[in-house]
C-alpha atoms as a PDB file:
ATOM      1  CA  MET A   1     -16.518 -24.356  -6.853  1.00  0.00           C
ATOM      2  CA  SER A   2     -13.356 -22.287  -6.284  1.00  0.00           C
ATOM      3  CA  VAL A   3     -13.004 -19.499  -8.798  1.00  0.00           C
ATOM      4  CA  ARG A   4      -9.689 -17.965  -9.856  1.00  0.00           C
ATOM      5  CA  ILE A   5      -8.730 -14.900 -11.861  1.00  0.00           C
ATOM      6  CA  ARG A   6      -5.818 -16.023 -13.997  1.00  0.00           C
ATOM      7  CA  LEU A   7      -4.171 -15.781 -17.407  1.00  0.00           C
ATOM      8  CA  SER A   8      -5.220 -17.757 -20.468  1.00  0.00           C
ATOM      9  CA  ARG A   9      -2.760 -17.846 -23.368  1.00  0.00           C
ATOM     10  CA  VAL A  10      -4.077 -16.880 -26.812  1.00  0.00           C
ATOM     11  CA  GLY A  11      -0.904 -15.789 -28.640  1.00  0.00           C
ATOM     12  CA  LYS A  12       1.058 -17.546 -31.366  1.00  0.00           C
ATOM     13  CA  LYS A  13       4.189 -19.584 -30.859  1.00  0.00           C
ATOM     14  CA  HIS A  14       6.954 -17.337 -29.427  1.00  0.00           C
ATOM     15  CA  VAL A  15       4.509 -14.403 -29.237  1.00  0.00           C
ATOM     16  CA  PRO A  16       2.828 -14.643 -25.820  1.00  0.00           C
ATOM     17  CA  PHE A  17      -0.469 -12.781 -25.482  1.00  0.00           C
ATOM     18  CA  TYR A  18      -2.853 -13.460 -22.613  1.00  0.00           C
ATOM     19  CA  ARG A  19      -6.441 -12.897 -21.585  1.00  0.00           C
ATOM     20  CA  ILE A  20      -7.250 -12.161 -17.968  1.00  0.00           C
ATOM     21  CA  VAL A  21     -10.142 -14.538 -17.261  1.00  0.00           C
ATOM     22  CA  VAL A  22     -12.315 -15.802 -14.431  1.00  0.00           C
ATOM     23  CA  ILE A  23     -12.323 -19.590 -14.435  1.00  0.00           C
ATOM     24  CA  ASP A  24     -12.936 -22.582 -12.179  1.00  0.00           C
ATOM     25  CA  SER A  25      -9.587 -23.505 -10.634  1.00  0.00           C
ATOM     26  CA  ARG A  26      -9.970 -27.162 -11.682  1.00  0.00           C
ATOM     27  CA  LYS A  27     -10.249 -26.344 -15.396  1.00  0.00           C
ATOM     28  CA  LYS A  28      -7.273 -26.400 -17.753  1.00  0.00           C
ATOM     29  CA  ARG A  29      -5.396 -23.193 -18.569  1.00  0.00           C
ATOM     30  CA  ASP A  30      -7.178 -22.470 -21.837  1.00  0.00           C
ATOM     31  CA  GLY A  31     -10.527 -24.001 -20.883  1.00  0.00           C
ATOM     32  CA  ALA A  32     -13.963 -22.387 -20.962  1.00  0.00           C
ATOM     33  CA  CYS A  33     -14.033 -19.269 -18.795  1.00  0.00           C
ATOM     34  CA  LEU A  34     -16.800 -17.583 -16.811  1.00  0.00           C
ATOM     35  CA  ALA A  35     -15.780 -14.025 -17.757  1.00  0.00           C
ATOM     36  CA  ASP A  36     -13.141 -12.238 -19.809  1.00  0.00           C
ATOM     37  CA  LEU A  37     -11.746  -9.258 -17.860  1.00  0.00           C
ATOM     38  CA  GLY A  38      -8.936  -7.987 -20.038  1.00  0.00           C
ATOM     39  CA  THR A  39      -5.903  -8.679 -22.189  1.00  0.00           C
ATOM     40  CA  TYR A  40      -2.171  -8.534 -21.491  1.00  0.00           C
ATOM     41  CA  ASP A  41       0.695  -8.299 -23.991  1.00  0.00           C
ATOM     42  CA  ALA A  42       3.667 -10.096 -22.423  1.00  0.00           C
ATOM     43  CA  LEU A  43       6.234  -8.961 -25.002  1.00  0.00           C
ATOM     44  CA  LYS A  44       5.563  -5.294 -24.342  1.00  0.00           C
ATOM     45  CA  SER A  45       4.666  -5.883 -20.667  1.00  0.00           C
ATOM     46  CA  SER A  46       1.567  -3.761 -21.125  1.00  0.00           C
ATOM     47  CA  ILE A  47      -2.103  -4.193 -20.469  1.00  0.00           C
ATOM     48  CA  VAL A  48      -4.134  -3.682 -23.607  1.00  0.00           C
ATOM     49  CA  ARG A  49      -7.555  -3.725 -21.939  1.00  0.00           C
ATOM     50  CA  LEU A  50      -8.687  -4.124 -18.312  1.00  0.00           C
ATOM     51  CA  ASP A  51     -12.176  -4.167 -16.788  1.00  0.00           C
ATOM     52  CA  HIS A  52     -11.730  -2.685 -13.286  1.00  0.00           C
ATOM     53  CA  ALA A  53     -15.411  -3.043 -12.387  1.00  0.00           C
ATOM     54  CA  GLY A  54     -15.390  -6.712 -13.389  1.00  0.00           C
ATOM     55  CA  ILE A  55     -12.275  -7.444 -11.345  1.00  0.00           C
ATOM     56  CA  ASP A  56     -13.701  -5.676  -8.300  1.00  0.00           C
ATOM     57  CA  HIS A  57     -16.972  -7.597  -8.691  1.00  0.00           C
ATOM     58  CA  TRP A  58     -15.302 -11.002  -8.903  1.00  0.00           C
ATOM     59  CA  LEU A  59     -12.979 -10.221  -5.984  1.00  0.00           C
ATOM     60  CA  SER A  60     -15.974  -9.198  -3.858  1.00  0.00           C
ATOM     61  CA  VAL A  61     -17.739 -12.470  -4.740  1.00  0.00           C
ATOM     62  CA  GLY A  62     -14.707 -14.460  -3.573  1.00  0.00           C
ATOM     63  CA  ALA A  63     -12.560 -15.149  -6.628  1.00  0.00           C
ATOM     64  CA  GLN A  64      -8.851 -15.492  -5.881  1.00  0.00           C
ATOM     65  CA  PRO A  65      -6.370 -13.806  -8.258  1.00  0.00           C
ATOM     66  CA  SER A  66      -3.239 -15.680  -9.308  1.00  0.00           C
ATOM     67  CA  GLN A  67       0.143 -14.180  -8.417  1.00  0.00           C
ATOM     68  CA  SER A  68       0.735 -13.029 -11.988  1.00  0.00           C
ATOM     69  CA  VAL A  69      -2.670 -11.341 -12.268  1.00  0.00           C
ATOM     70  CA  LYS A  70      -2.240  -9.656  -8.892  1.00  0.00           C
ATOM     71  CA  LYS A  71       1.136  -8.288 -10.011  1.00  0.00           C
ATOM     72  CA  ILE A  72      -0.185  -7.112 -13.395  1.00  0.00           C
ATOM     73  CA  VAL A  73      -3.208  -5.336 -11.924  1.00  0.00           C
ATOM     74  CA  THR A  74      -1.228  -3.558  -9.180  1.00  0.00           C
ATOM     75  CA  GLU A  75       1.393  -2.361 -11.692  1.00  0.00           C
ATOM     76  CA  PHE A  76      -1.371  -1.130 -14.002  1.00  0.00           C
ATOM     77  CA  LYS A  77      -3.067   0.791 -11.188  1.00  0.00           C
ATOM     78  CA  ARG A  78       0.266   2.300 -10.145  1.00  0.00           C
ATOM     79  CA  ALA A  79       0.982   3.368 -13.735  1.00  0.00           C
ATOM     80  CA  GLN A  80      -2.498   4.884 -14.053  1.00  0.00           C
ATOM     81  CA  SER A  81      -2.055   6.942 -10.885  1.00  0.00           C
ATOM     82  CA  LYS A  82       1.314   8.281 -12.116  1.00  0.00           C
ATOM     83  CA  ALA A  83       0.025   8.978 -15.619  1.00  0.00           C
ATOM     84  CA  THR A  84      -2.822  11.211 -14.471  1.00  0.00           C
ATOM     85  CA  PRO A  85      -1.403  13.594 -11.869  1.00  0.00           C
ATOM     86  CA  VAL A  86      -3.557  16.301 -10.422  1.00  0.00           C
ATOM     87  CA  GLU A  87      -3.038  19.345 -12.563  1.00  0.00           C
ATOM     88  CA  LYS A  88      -2.372  22.597 -10.774  1.00  0.00           C
ATOM     89  CA  ALA A  89      -4.045  25.752 -11.960  1.00  0.00           C
ATOM     90  CA  PRO A  90      -1.637  28.154 -13.621  1.00  0.00           C
ATOM     91  CA  LYS A  91      -0.520  31.018 -11.432  1.00  0.00           C
ATOM     92  CA  ALA A  92      -2.187  34.301 -12.240  1.00  0.00           C
ATOM     93  CA  LYS A  93       0.155  37.088 -13.185  1.00  0.00           C
ATOM     94  CA  LYS A  94      -0.046  40.231 -11.140  1.00  0.00           C
ATOM     95  CA  VAL A  95      -1.388  43.017 -13.269  1.00  0.00           C
ATOM     96  CA  VAL A  96      -0.133  46.393 -12.176  1.00  0.00           C
ATOM     97  CA  PRO A  97      -2.159  49.190 -13.723  1.00  0.00           C
ATOM     98  CA  LYS A  98      -0.063  51.794 -15.438  1.00  0.00           C
ATOM     99  CA  VAL A  99      -0.778  55.142 -13.888  1.00  0.00           C
ATOM    100  CA  GLN A 100       0.160  58.204 -15.819  1.00  0.00           C
ATOM    101  CA  ALA A 101       1.189  61.289 -13.921  1.00  0.00           C
ATOM    102  CA  ALA A 102      -1.266  63.507 -15.821  1.00  0.00           C
ATOM    103  CA  GLU A 103      -4.404  61.538 -14.903  1.00  0.00           C
ATOM    104  CA  PRO A 104      -4.481  62.207 -11.139  1.00  0.00           C
ATOM    105  CA  ALA A 105      -3.860  65.891 -11.681  1.00  0.00           C
ATOM    106  CA  GLU A 106      -6.658  66.116 -14.250  1.00  0.00           C
ATOM    107  CA  ALA A 107      -9.025  64.204 -11.979  1.00  0.00           C
ATOM    108  CA  ALA A 108      -8.307  66.599  -9.135  1.00  0.00           C
ATOM    109  CA  LYS A 109      -8.983  69.669 -11.347  1.00  0.00           C
ATOM    110  CA  SER A 110     -12.262  68.260 -12.634  1.00  0.00           C
ATOM    111  CA  ASP A 111     -13.530  67.525  -9.105  1.00  0.00           C
ATOM    112  CA  SER A 112     -12.945  71.103  -7.975  1.00  0.00           C
END
């Protein structure tokens, strides 16, 4: 049994919405699936939900992603890496203590 990760359409007419599913390659597009890994909104070109662990598991078992799923997942990972940059710690301001002229003279008199 060859297993594919591909899209299954669930949207209305003229409103495409897809599920990312794991399915036997011989089944029809909207047939019974083995696992549901996420959803994709084609009008907005955005992933609504994605199960990274599930995708990695099925790829390690030998499932082959379709071209569209491969493209969607790589774009999502690229967007995630750009959206969460490594934050730099704010630079600390140099604090220069204010020294009054009278203090060192008073300290020297009290030590004597």
